[in-house]
Amino acid sequence: MSFKLNILGCSSAIPTINRNPTAQLLNVNERFFLIDCGESTQIQLRKYQLNFQRINHIFISHLHGDHYFGLIGLINSMHLLGRKKELHIYAHEELEMIVNLQLNASNTELNYPLFFHPLSENESSVILEDDNIKVSNIILDHTIKCSGFLFEEKKSPRKIIASAIEKYNISHDKINSLKNGADWISDNGEVVANDLLTKANTSAYRYAYCSDTRFNEGIINKIKHVDLLYHETTFMHELIDRAEKTGHSTTLQAAEIAKKANVKKLVIGHFSQRYKNLNDLLVQTRKGFSNVILSCAGLVIDFQEI
């Protein structure tokens, strides 16, 4: 079982030679979720040997170009490479019009079904849920409507202890109830506690992605106790007025959100191109929250190691 985050880009609006615009790939037990899709995202996926045809769900936080200008290229490459599986995009409603305009202009009829799921402008809600994962949007405070995303793995069933099943001669039709925590009662009325028959599975992980946003304490309750928080730090704290004006956050503001939400680990990103030495942002963030790392292209965060 796996729960890993791959960073593909960490720059803000203007790319640099060494930093691509925002994009991340979340691997949840070999299901791949793309989060934002800045320019060259498909190149980054190839560079790090991540098969983009396995992506079935794409989440776009907002419609500033550094978060979606790579999308039409990725959609088209999937088409040209013969994709047949459906693709789901979660974004504000205008994106469907933009993508359809681009496809129509090039007279492209996709080989695969493409579905758009509009995000609410002012209400957080569950936008995707199945037996394994739940994804919700988080309303952020930017210069245009913008959403973060909360990914929550469903709790895994308990693991069967094979030797105990054999010892008590438990029939296979009882296995599912044991995995769900039930005790076992034998034919003669003996009760065997579940923890003698099963053991806990891996923890259910939670990841919160907060892209472009001003300092916003309103998100704290939604992201409390997550294993990993990604929060933008476009600016050093000396530029707090610039951050407020442009709808962004500073290093110390991200640290304050992480501390108040009691998250396990913070990863910062969306760095302004003015900063050549990103370690300065890291050092300043650590003044407010110690367990923090810099995002950078190629970084892989394994949640089992947090």
C-alpha atoms as a PDB file:
ATOM      1  CA  MET A   1       0.000   0.000   0.000  1.00  0.00           C
ATOM      2  CA  SER A   2       1.316   3.454  -0.855  1.00  0.00           C
ATOM      3  CA  PHE A   3       0.523   7.088  -0.171  1.00  0.00           C
ATOM      4  CA  LYS A   4       3.082   9.351  -1.782  1.00  0.00           C
ATOM      5  CA  LEU A   5       3.241  12.916  -3.061  1.00  0.00           C
ATOM      6  CA  ASN A   6       5.365  13.779  -6.092  1.00  0.00           C
ATOM      7  CA  ILE A   7       6.248  17.449  -6.577  1.00  0.00           C
ATOM      8  CA  LEU A   8       6.431  18.408 -10.274  1.00  0.00           C
ATOM      9  CA  GLY A   9       6.615  22.189  -9.996  1.00  0.00           C
ATOM     10  CA  CYS A  10       6.918  24.766  -7.204  1.00  0.00           C
ATOM     11  CA  SER A  11       7.236  28.191  -8.832  1.00  0.00           C
ATOM     12  CA  SER A  12       4.679  30.977  -8.696  1.00  0.00           C
ATOM     13  CA  ALA A  13       3.327  32.857 -11.726  1.00  0.00           C
ATOM     14  CA  ILE A  14       6.623  33.265 -13.565  1.00  0.00           C
ATOM     15  CA  PRO A  15       8.633  30.075 -14.185  1.00  0.00           C
ATOM     16  CA  THR A  16      12.398  30.078 -13.818  1.00  0.00           C
ATOM     17  CA  ILE A  17      15.059  27.940 -15.459  1.00  0.00           C
ATOM     18  CA  ASN A  18      15.119  25.715 -12.380  1.00  0.00           C
ATOM     19  CA  ARG A  19      11.509  25.926 -11.192  1.00  0.00           C
ATOM     20  CA  ASN A  20       8.368  24.939 -13.097  1.00  0.00           C
ATOM     21  CA  PRO A  21       4.870  26.223 -12.227  1.00  0.00           C
ATOM     22  CA  THR A  22       2.692  24.385  -9.771  1.00  0.00           C
ATOM     23  CA  ALA A  23       1.792  20.729 -10.254  1.00  0.00           C
ATOM     24  CA  GLN A  24       1.724  17.705  -7.951  1.00  0.00           C
ATOM     25  CA  LEU A  25       0.881  14.033  -8.335  1.00  0.00           C
ATOM     26  CA  LEU A  26      -0.608  12.149  -5.385  1.00  0.00           C
ATOM     27  CA  ASN A  27      -0.295   8.353  -5.412  1.00  0.00           C
ATOM     28  CA  VAL A  28      -2.943   6.711  -3.236  1.00  0.00           C
ATOM     29  CA  ASN A  29      -2.402   2.957  -3.387  1.00  0.00           C
ATOM     30  CA  GLU A  30      -1.456   3.177  -7.078  1.00  0.00           C
ATOM     31  CA  ARG A  31      -4.321   5.499  -7.974  1.00  0.00           C
ATOM     32  CA  PHE A  32      -2.944   8.770  -9.306  1.00  0.00           C
ATOM     33  CA  PHE A  33      -4.472  12.203  -8.696  1.00  0.00           C
ATOM     34  CA  LEU A  34      -3.023  15.258 -10.456  1.00  0.00           C
ATOM     35  CA  ILE A  35      -3.254  18.493  -8.481  1.00  0.00           C
ATOM     36  CA  ASP A  36      -2.911  21.615 -10.639  1.00  0.00           C
ATOM     37  CA  CYS A  37      -1.289  21.503 -14.051  1.00  0.00           C
ATOM     38  CA  GLY A  38       1.050  24.389 -14.814  1.00  0.00           C
ATOM     39  CA  GLU A  39       3.097  24.663 -17.993  1.00  0.00           C
ATOM     40  CA  SER A  40       5.281  21.632 -18.817  1.00  0.00           C
ATOM     41  CA  THR A  41       3.486  19.331 -16.385  1.00  0.00           C
ATOM     42  CA  GLN A  42       3.409  16.513 -18.924  1.00  0.00           C
ATOM     43  CA  ILE A  43       7.163  16.971 -19.480  1.00  0.00           C
ATOM     44  CA  GLN A  44       7.757  16.715 -15.745  1.00  0.00           C
ATOM     45  CA  LEU A  45       5.636  13.559 -15.580  1.00  0.00           C
ATOM     46  CA  ARG A  46       7.794  12.006 -18.288  1.00  0.00           C
ATOM     47  CA  LYS A  47      11.000  13.218 -16.669  1.00  0.00           C
ATOM     48  CA  TYR A  48      10.162  11.472 -13.400  1.00  0.00           C
ATOM     49  CA  GLN A  49       8.790   8.378 -15.168  1.00  0.00           C
ATOM     50  CA  LEU A  50       5.216   8.856 -13.971  1.00  0.00           C
ATOM     51  CA  ASN A  51       2.709   7.355 -16.403  1.00  0.00           C
ATOM     52  CA  PHE A  52       0.147  10.089 -17.033  1.00  0.00           C
ATOM     53  CA  GLN A  53      -2.284   7.666 -18.665  1.00  0.00           C
ATOM     54  CA  ARG A  54      -2.900   6.303 -15.162  1.00  0.00           C
ATOM     55  CA  ILE A  55      -4.273   9.663 -14.061  1.00  0.00           C
ATOM     56  CA  ASN A  56      -8.078   9.555 -13.982  1.00  0.00           C
ATOM     57  CA  HIS A  57      -8.775  12.609 -11.796  1.00  0.00           C
ATOM     58  CA  ILE A  58      -7.332  16.130 -12.142  1.00  0.00           C
ATOM     59  CA  PHE A  59      -7.948  18.907  -9.610  1.00  0.00           C
ATOM     60  CA  ILE A  60      -7.422  22.530 -10.665  1.00  0.00           C
ATOM     61  CA  SER A  61      -7.381  25.041  -7.817  1.00  0.00           C
ATOM     62  CA  HIS A  62      -8.103  28.184  -9.841  1.00  0.00           C
ATOM     63  CA  LEU A  63      -7.809  29.739 -13.257  1.00  0.00           C
ATOM     64  CA  HIS A  64      -4.568  31.663 -13.056  1.00  0.00           C
ATOM     65  CA  GLY A  65      -2.418  30.317 -15.848  1.00  0.00           C
ATOM     66  CA  ASP A  66       0.409  28.965 -13.725  1.00  0.00           C
ATOM     67  CA  HIS A  67      -2.055  26.418 -12.355  1.00  0.00           C
ATOM     68  CA  TYR A  68      -3.680  25.158 -15.565  1.00  0.00           C
ATOM     69  CA  PHE A  69      -1.814  26.238 -18.726  1.00  0.00           C
ATOM     70  CA  GLY A  70      -0.373  22.724 -19.048  1.00  0.00           C
ATOM     71  CA  LEU A  71      -3.787  21.060 -19.023  1.00  0.00           C
ATOM     72  CA  ILE A  72      -4.765  21.226 -22.693  1.00  0.00           C
ATOM     73  CA  GLY A  73      -1.385  19.790 -23.708  1.00  0.00           C
ATOM     74  CA  LEU A  74      -1.781  16.893 -21.300  1.00  0.00           C
ATOM     75  CA  ILE A  75      -5.358  16.235 -22.468  1.00  0.00           C
ATOM     76  CA  ASN A  76      -4.204  16.239 -26.093  1.00  0.00           C
ATOM     77  CA  SER A  77      -1.238  13.932 -25.448  1.00  0.00           C
ATOM     78  CA  MET A  78      -3.531  11.453 -23.703  1.00  0.00           C
ATOM     79  CA  HIS A  79      -5.701  11.559 -26.834  1.00  0.00           C
ATOM     80  CA  LEU A  80      -2.824  11.145 -29.296  1.00  0.00           C
ATOM     81  CA  LEU A  81      -1.479   8.183 -27.333  1.00  0.00           C
ATOM     82  CA  GLY A  82      -4.798   6.350 -27.683  1.00  0.00           C
ATOM     83  CA  ARG A  83      -6.374   6.809 -24.283  1.00  0.00           C
ATOM     84  CA  LYS A  84      -9.814   5.214 -23.919  1.00  0.00           C
ATOM     85  CA  LYS A  85     -10.453   5.573 -20.175  1.00  0.00           C
ATOM     86  CA  GLU A  86     -12.580   8.466 -18.989  1.00  0.00           C
ATOM     87  CA  LEU A  87     -10.920  11.503 -17.408  1.00  0.00           C
ATOM     88  CA  HIS A  88     -12.500  13.628 -14.666  1.00  0.00           C
ATOM     89  CA  ILE A  89     -11.564  17.261 -14.073  1.00  0.00           C
ATOM     90  CA  TYR A  90     -12.585  19.138 -10.909  1.00  0.00           C
ATOM     91  CA  ALA A  91     -12.388  22.898 -11.399  1.00  0.00           C
ATOM     92  CA  HIS A  92     -14.389  26.107 -11.508  1.00  0.00           C
ATOM     93  CA  GLU A  93     -16.996  26.006 -14.227  1.00  0.00           C
ATOM     94  CA  GLU A  94     -15.252  28.375 -16.667  1.00  0.00           C
ATOM     95  CA  LEU A  95     -12.537  25.790 -17.314  1.00  0.00           C
ATOM     96  CA  GLU A  96     -14.918  23.539 -19.243  1.00  0.00           C
ATOM     97  CA  MET A  97     -15.619  26.374 -21.682  1.00  0.00           C
ATOM     98  CA  ILE A  98     -11.891  27.134 -22.049  1.00  0.00           C
ATOM     99  CA  VAL A  99     -10.925  23.521 -22.757  1.00  0.00           C
ATOM    100  CA  ASN A 100     -13.814  22.962 -25.174  1.00  0.00           C
ATOM    101  CA  LEU A 101     -12.877  26.149 -27.037  1.00  0.00           C
ATOM    102  CA  GLN A 102      -9.323  24.882 -27.450  1.00  0.00           C
ATOM    103  CA  LEU A 103     -10.475  21.459 -28.615  1.00  0.00           C
ATOM    104  CA  ASN A 104     -13.003  22.929 -31.046  1.00  0.00           C
ATOM    105  CA  ALA A 105     -10.451  25.376 -32.468  1.00  0.00           C
ATOM    106  CA  SER A 106      -8.163  22.477 -33.361  1.00  0.00           C
ATOM    107  CA  ASN A 107     -11.051  20.290 -34.553  1.00  0.00           C
ATOM    108  CA  THR A 108     -10.073  17.672 -31.962  1.00  0.00           C
ATOM    109  CA  GLU A 109     -12.575  15.024 -30.967  1.00  0.00           C
ATOM    110  CA  LEU A 110     -11.120  13.114 -28.033  1.00  0.00           C
ATOM    111  CA  ASN A 111     -10.883   9.319 -28.088  1.00  0.00           C
ATOM    112  CA  TYR A 112     -11.987   9.204 -24.469  1.00  0.00           C
ATOM    113  CA  PRO A 113     -14.834  10.619 -22.348  1.00  0.00           C
ATOM    114  CA  LEU A 114     -13.964  13.871 -20.561  1.00  0.00           C
ATOM    115  CA  PHE A 115     -16.093  14.928 -17.602  1.00  0.00           C
ATOM    116  CA  PHE A 116     -16.018  18.275 -15.769  1.00  0.00           C
ATOM    117  CA  HIS A 117     -17.119  18.649 -12.153  1.00  0.00           C
ATOM    118  CA  PRO A 118     -17.650  22.304 -11.134  1.00  0.00           C
ATOM    119  CA  LEU A 119     -16.288  23.507  -7.801  1.00  0.00           C
ATOM    120  CA  SER A 120     -18.371  25.672  -5.508  1.00  0.00           C
ATOM    121  CA  GLU A 121     -17.235  29.288  -5.206  1.00  0.00           C
ATOM    122  CA  ASN A 122     -18.180  29.690  -1.558  1.00  0.00           C
ATOM    123  CA  GLU A 123     -18.827  26.335   0.084  1.00  0.00           C
ATOM    124  CA  SER A 124     -16.583  23.426   1.016  1.00  0.00           C
ATOM    125  CA  SER A 125     -18.017  20.032   0.162  1.00  0.00           C
ATOM    126  CA  VAL A 126     -17.074  16.476  -0.784  1.00  0.00           C
ATOM    127  CA  ILE A 127     -16.304  16.410  -4.502  1.00  0.00           C
ATOM    128  CA  LEU A 128     -15.159  12.787  -4.887  1.00  0.00           C
ATOM    129  CA  GLU A 129     -15.763   9.759  -2.683  1.00  0.00           C
ATOM    130  CA  ASP A 130     -15.493   6.010  -3.107  1.00  0.00           C
ATOM    131  CA  ASP A 131     -14.569   3.030  -0.945  1.00  0.00           C
ATOM    132  CA  ASN A 132     -10.936   4.141  -0.671  1.00  0.00           C
ATOM    133  CA  ILE A 133     -10.748   7.927  -0.605  1.00  0.00           C
ATOM    134  CA  LYS A 134     -12.690  11.114   0.033  1.00  0.00           C
ATOM    135  CA  VAL A 135     -11.728  14.436  -1.557  1.00  0.00           C
ATOM    136  CA  SER A 136     -13.145  17.793  -0.449  1.00  0.00           C
ATOM    137  CA  ASN A 137     -12.552  21.314  -1.676  1.00  0.00           C
ATOM    138  CA  ILE A 138     -11.367  24.064   0.677  1.00  0.00           C
ATOM    139  CA  ILE A 139     -12.378  27.670  -0.007  1.00  0.00           C
ATOM    140  CA  LEU A 140      -9.277  29.873  -0.116  1.00  0.00           C
ATOM    141  CA  ASP A 141      -8.851  33.661  -0.140  1.00  0.00           C
ATOM    142  CA  HIS A 142      -7.152  34.711  -3.372  1.00  0.00           C
ATOM    143  CA  THR A 143      -7.755  37.473  -5.933  1.00  0.00           C
ATOM    144  CA  ILE A 144     -10.117  35.190  -7.882  1.00  0.00           C
ATOM    145  CA  LYS A 145     -12.167  32.215  -6.721  1.00  0.00           C
ATOM    146  CA  CYS A 146      -9.780  29.514  -5.574  1.00  0.00           C
ATOM    147  CA  SER A 147     -10.008  26.134  -3.876  1.00  0.00           C
ATOM    148  CA  GLY A 148      -7.616  23.954  -1.993  1.00  0.00           C
ATOM    149  CA  PHE A 149      -8.190  20.224  -1.674  1.00  0.00           C
ATOM    150  CA  LEU A 150      -8.284  17.762   1.212  1.00  0.00           C
ATOM    151  CA  PHE A 151      -7.500  14.125   0.399  1.00  0.00           C
ATOM    152  CA  GLU A 152      -8.568  11.634   3.064  1.00  0.00           C
ATOM    153  CA  GLU A 153      -7.819   7.946   2.774  1.00  0.00           C
ATOM    154  CA  LYS A 154     -10.583   5.689   4.049  1.00  0.00           C
ATOM    155  CA  LYS A 155      -9.664   3.589   7.080  1.00  0.00           C
ATOM    156  CA  SER A 156      -8.331   0.224   5.970  1.00  0.00           C
ATOM    157  CA  PRO A 157      -9.913  -2.997   7.310  1.00  0.00           C
ATOM    158  CA  ARG A 158      -7.947  -4.857   9.967  1.00  0.00           C
ATOM    159  CA  LYS A 159      -5.468  -7.522   8.877  1.00  0.00           C
ATOM    160  CA  ILE A 160      -6.264 -11.164   9.549  1.00  0.00           C
ATOM    161  CA  ILE A 161      -3.798 -13.175  11.644  1.00  0.00           C
ATOM    162  CA  ALA A 162      -3.750 -16.409   9.664  1.00  0.00           C
ATOM    163  CA  SER A 163      -2.407 -18.581  12.492  1.00  0.00           C
ATOM    164  CA  ALA A 164      -5.235 -17.449  14.796  1.00  0.00           C
ATOM    165  CA  ILE A 165      -7.876 -18.193  12.159  1.00  0.00           C
ATOM    166  CA  GLU A 166      -6.444 -21.677  11.821  1.00  0.00           C
ATOM    167  CA  LYS A 167      -6.162 -22.168  15.598  1.00  0.00           C
ATOM    168  CA  TYR A 168      -9.845 -21.407  16.180  1.00  0.00           C
ATOM    169  CA  ASN A 169     -10.951 -23.092  12.947  1.00  0.00           C
ATOM    170  CA  ILE A 170     -12.899 -20.022  11.847  1.00  0.00           C
ATOM    171  CA  SER A 171     -14.808 -20.398   8.596  1.00  0.00           C
ATOM    172  CA  HIS A 172     -14.037 -18.087   5.659  1.00  0.00           C
ATOM    173  CA  ASP A 173     -17.516 -16.553   5.640  1.00  0.00           C
ATOM    174  CA  LYS A 174     -16.648 -14.828   8.948  1.00  0.00           C
ATOM    175  CA  ILE A 175     -13.478 -13.140   7.633  1.00  0.00           C
ATOM    176  CA  ASN A 176     -15.083  -9.883   6.463  1.00  0.00           C
ATOM    177  CA  SER A 177     -16.816  -9.286   9.794  1.00  0.00           C
ATOM    178  CA  LEU A 178     -13.513  -9.883  11.589  1.00  0.00           C
ATOM    179  CA  LYS A 179     -11.769  -7.362   9.314  1.00  0.00           C
ATOM    180  CA  ASN A 180     -14.428  -4.844  10.309  1.00  0.00           C
ATOM    181  CA  GLY A 181     -13.707  -5.361  14.017  1.00  0.00           C
ATOM    182  CA  ALA A 182     -16.204  -8.005  15.129  1.00  0.00           C
ATOM    183  CA  ASP A 183     -15.352 -10.566  17.823  1.00  0.00           C
ATOM    184  CA  TRP A 184     -15.868 -14.245  16.989  1.00  0.00           C
ATOM    185  CA  ILE A 185     -18.285 -16.498  18.817  1.00  0.00           C
ATOM    186  CA  SER A 186     -17.731 -20.236  18.498  1.00  0.00           C
ATOM    187  CA  ASP A 187     -20.494 -22.852  18.273  1.00  0.00           C
ATOM    188  CA  ASN A 188     -20.168 -23.537  22.011  1.00  0.00           C
ATOM    189  CA  GLY A 189     -20.499 -19.845  22.904  1.00  0.00           C
ATOM    190  CA  GLU A 190     -16.827 -19.005  23.440  1.00  0.00           C
ATOM    191  CA  VAL A 191     -16.087 -15.352  22.620  1.00  0.00           C
ATOM    192  CA  VAL A 192     -12.689 -14.621  21.081  1.00  0.00           C
ATOM    193  CA  ALA A 193     -11.722 -10.941  21.078  1.00  0.00           C
ATOM    194  CA  ASN A 194     -11.039  -9.400  17.702  1.00  0.00           C
ATOM    195  CA  ASP A 195      -7.535  -8.251  18.628  1.00  0.00           C
ATOM    196  CA  LEU A 196      -6.535 -11.910  19.056  1.00  0.00           C
ATOM    197  CA  LEU A 197      -7.627 -12.603  15.474  1.00  0.00           C
ATOM    198  CA  THR A 198      -6.624  -9.440  13.641  1.00  0.00           C
ATOM    199  CA  LYS A 199      -4.139  -6.584  13.804  1.00  0.00           C
ATOM    200  CA  ALA A 200      -4.382  -2.946  12.832  1.00  0.00           C
ATOM    201  CA  ASN A 201      -3.746  -2.035   9.212  1.00  0.00           C
ATOM    202  CA  THR A 202      -1.738   0.979   8.085  1.00  0.00           C
ATOM    203  CA  SER A 203      -3.002   4.377   9.186  1.00  0.00           C
ATOM    204  CA  ALA A 204      -5.452   6.298   7.032  1.00  0.00           C
ATOM    205  CA  TYR A 205      -3.521   9.291   5.713  1.00  0.00           C
ATOM    206  CA  ARG A 206      -4.732  12.858   5.122  1.00  0.00           C
ATOM    207  CA  TYR A 207      -3.209  15.472   2.817  1.00  0.00           C
ATOM    208  CA  ALA A 208      -4.270  19.126   2.558  1.00  0.00           C
ATOM    209  CA  TYR A 209      -3.300  21.205  -0.466  1.00  0.00           C
ATOM    210  CA  CYS A 210      -3.647  24.963  -0.036  1.00  0.00           C
ATOM    211  CA  SER A 211      -2.514  26.800  -3.130  1.00  0.00           C
ATOM    212  CA  ASP A 212      -2.773  30.544  -3.715  1.00  0.00           C
ATOM    213  CA  THR A 213      -4.313  32.198  -0.665  1.00  0.00           C
ATOM    214  CA  ARG A 214      -3.995  35.053   1.737  1.00  0.00           C
ATOM    215  CA  PHE A 215      -3.542  34.213   5.422  1.00  0.00           C
ATOM    216  CA  ASN A 216      -6.880  32.587   6.224  1.00  0.00           C
ATOM    217  CA  GLU A 217      -7.622  31.152   9.650  1.00  0.00           C
ATOM    218  CA  GLY A 218     -10.963  29.934   8.313  1.00  0.00           C
ATOM    219  CA  ILE A 219      -9.278  26.855   6.837  1.00  0.00           C
ATOM    220  CA  ILE A 220      -7.768  25.682  10.125  1.00  0.00           C
ATOM    221  CA  ASN A 221     -10.653  23.492  11.275  1.00  0.00           C
ATOM    222  CA  LYS A 222     -10.807  21.799   7.878  1.00  0.00           C
ATOM    223  CA  ILE A 223      -7.135  20.807   7.870  1.00  0.00           C
ATOM    224  CA  LYS A 224      -6.610  20.029  11.567  1.00  0.00           C
ATOM    225  CA  HIS A 225      -4.199  17.166  12.310  1.00  0.00           C
ATOM    226  CA  VAL A 226      -3.472  16.312   8.664  1.00  0.00           C
ATOM    227  CA  ASP A 227      -0.343  14.279   8.070  1.00  0.00           C
ATOM    228  CA  LEU A 228       0.934  16.756   5.496  1.00  0.00           C
ATOM    229  CA  LEU A 229      -0.040  20.330   4.653  1.00  0.00           C
ATOM    230  CA  TYR A 230       1.108  22.038   1.472  1.00  0.00           C
ATOM    231  CA  HIS A 231       0.779  25.793   1.925  1.00  0.00           C
ATOM    232  CA  GLU A 232       2.003  28.462  -0.413  1.00  0.00           C
ATOM    233  CA  THR A 233       4.766  30.830   0.717  1.00  0.00           C
ATOM    234  CA  THR A 234       5.106  33.159  -2.235  1.00  0.00           C
ATOM    235  CA  PHE A 235       6.924  35.792  -0.166  1.00  0.00           C
ATOM    236  CA  MET A 236       9.255  36.260   2.767  1.00  0.00           C
ATOM    237  CA  HIS A 237       7.474  37.889   5.695  1.00  0.00           C
ATOM    238  CA  GLU A 238       9.071  41.283   5.002  1.00  0.00           C
ATOM    239  CA  LEU A 239       6.734  41.524   1.994  1.00  0.00           C
ATOM    240  CA  ILE A 240       3.549  40.905   3.987  1.00  0.00           C
ATOM    241  CA  ASP A 241       1.871  43.957   2.442  1.00  0.00           C
ATOM    242  CA  ARG A 242       2.683  42.690  -1.049  1.00  0.00           C
ATOM    243  CA  ALA A 243       1.297  39.273  -0.099  1.00  0.00           C
ATOM    244  CA  GLU A 244      -1.989  40.768   1.085  1.00  0.00           C
ATOM    245  CA  LYS A 245      -2.349  42.882  -2.051  1.00  0.00           C
ATOM    246  CA  THR A 246      -1.702  39.993  -4.441  1.00  0.00           C
ATOM    247  CA  GLY A 247      -3.683  37.356  -2.549  1.00  0.00           C
ATOM    248  CA  HIS A 248      -0.746  35.363  -1.250  1.00  0.00           C
ATOM    249  CA  SER A 249       0.903  34.268   2.006  1.00  0.00           C
ATOM    250  CA  THR A 250       4.279  34.714   3.623  1.00  0.00           C
ATOM    251  CA  THR A 251       6.558  32.193   5.277  1.00  0.00           C
ATOM    252  CA  LEU A 252       5.504  33.026   8.823  1.00  0.00           C
ATOM    253  CA  GLN A 253       1.823  33.076   7.887  1.00  0.00           C
ATOM    254  CA  ALA A 254       2.063  29.539   6.499  1.00  0.00           C
ATOM    255  CA  ALA A 255       3.900  28.488   9.654  1.00  0.00           C
ATOM    256  CA  GLU A 256       1.138  29.975  11.819  1.00  0.00           C
ATOM    257  CA  ILE A 257      -1.555  28.075   9.921  1.00  0.00           C
ATOM    258  CA  ALA A 258       0.416  24.823  10.283  1.00  0.00           C
ATOM    259  CA  LYS A 259       0.937  25.380  14.004  1.00  0.00           C
ATOM    260  CA  LYS A 260      -2.671  26.284  14.745  1.00  0.00           C
ATOM    261  CA  ALA A 261      -3.917  23.311  12.716  1.00  0.00           C
ATOM    262  CA  ASN A 262      -1.471  21.007  14.532  1.00  0.00           C
ATOM    263  CA  VAL A 263      -0.361  19.339  11.318  1.00  0.00           C
ATOM    264  CA  LYS A 264       2.408  16.747  11.386  1.00  0.00           C
ATOM    265  CA  LYS A 265       4.476  18.211   8.560  1.00  0.00           C
ATOM    266  CA  LEU A 266       4.430  21.320   6.367  1.00  0.00           C
ATOM    267  CA  VAL A 267       5.743  21.589   2.823  1.00  0.00           C
ATOM    268  CA  ILE A 268       6.006  25.078   1.366  1.00  0.00           C
ATOM    269  CA  GLY A 269       5.984  26.193  -2.260  1.00  0.00           C
ATOM    270  CA  HIS A 270       4.746  28.616  -4.948  1.00  0.00           C
ATOM    271  CA  PHE A 271       7.913  30.644  -4.561  1.00  0.00           C
ATOM    272  CA  SER A 272       8.265  34.053  -6.193  1.00  0.00           C
ATOM    273  CA  GLN A 273      10.884  34.109  -8.946  1.00  0.00           C
ATOM    274  CA  ARG A 274      12.629  36.956  -7.083  1.00  0.00           C
ATOM    275  CA  TYR A 275      14.092  34.428  -4.620  1.00  0.00           C
ATOM    276  CA  LYS A 276      17.241  32.703  -5.804  1.00  0.00           C
ATOM    277  CA  ASN A 277      18.125  31.073  -2.496  1.00  0.00           C
ATOM    278  CA  LEU A 278      15.036  29.218  -1.305  1.00  0.00           C
ATOM    279  CA  ASN A 279      16.776  28.205   1.891  1.00  0.00           C
ATOM    280  CA  ASP A 280      16.063  31.718   3.198  1.00  0.00           C
ATOM    281  CA  LEU A 281      12.331  30.992   3.002  1.00  0.00           C
ATOM    282  CA  LEU A 282      12.828  27.660   4.764  1.00  0.00           C
ATOM    283  CA  VAL A 283      14.808  29.196   7.614  1.00  0.00           C
ATOM    284  CA  GLN A 284      12.225  31.907   8.165  1.00  0.00           C
ATOM    285  CA  THR A 285       9.303  29.441   8.086  1.00  0.00           C
ATOM    286  CA  ARG A 286      11.026  27.291  10.711  1.00  0.00           C
ATOM    287  CA  LYS A 287      10.916  30.209  13.119  1.00  0.00           C
ATOM    288  CA  GLY A 288       7.176  29.572  13.370  1.00  0.00           C
ATOM    289  CA  PHE A 289       6.900  25.821  12.672  1.00  0.00           C
ATOM    290  CA  SER A 290       9.827  23.443  12.902  1.00  0.00           C
ATOM    291  CA  ASN A 291       8.754  20.406  10.860  1.00  0.00           C
ATOM    292  CA  VAL A 292       8.816  22.007   7.425  1.00  0.00           C
ATOM    293  CA  ILE A 293      10.490  21.263   4.098  1.00  0.00           C
ATOM    294  CA  LEU A 294      10.854  23.026   0.755  1.00  0.00           C
ATOM    295  CA  SER A 295       8.995  21.702  -2.250  1.00  0.00           C
ATOM    296  CA  CYS A 296      11.147  21.157  -5.334  1.00  0.00           C
ATOM    297  CA  ALA A 297      10.674  19.307  -8.598  1.00  0.00           C
ATOM    298  CA  GLY A 298      11.406  15.617  -8.139  1.00  0.00           C
ATOM    299  CA  LEU A 299      10.728  15.591  -4.405  1.00  0.00           C
ATOM    300  CA  VAL A 300       8.780  12.501  -3.280  1.00  0.00           C
ATOM    301  CA  ILE A 301       7.153  12.527   0.152  1.00  0.00           C
ATOM    302  CA  ASP A 302       6.236   9.084   1.481  1.00  0.00           C
ATOM    303  CA  PHE A 303       3.515   9.443   4.108  1.00  0.00           C
ATOM    304  CA  GLN A 304       4.740   6.325   5.897  1.00  0.00           C
ATOM    305  CA  GLU A 305       7.900   8.288   6.740  1.00  0.00           C
ATOM    306  CA  ILE A 306       6.237  11.450   8.071  1.00  0.00           C
END
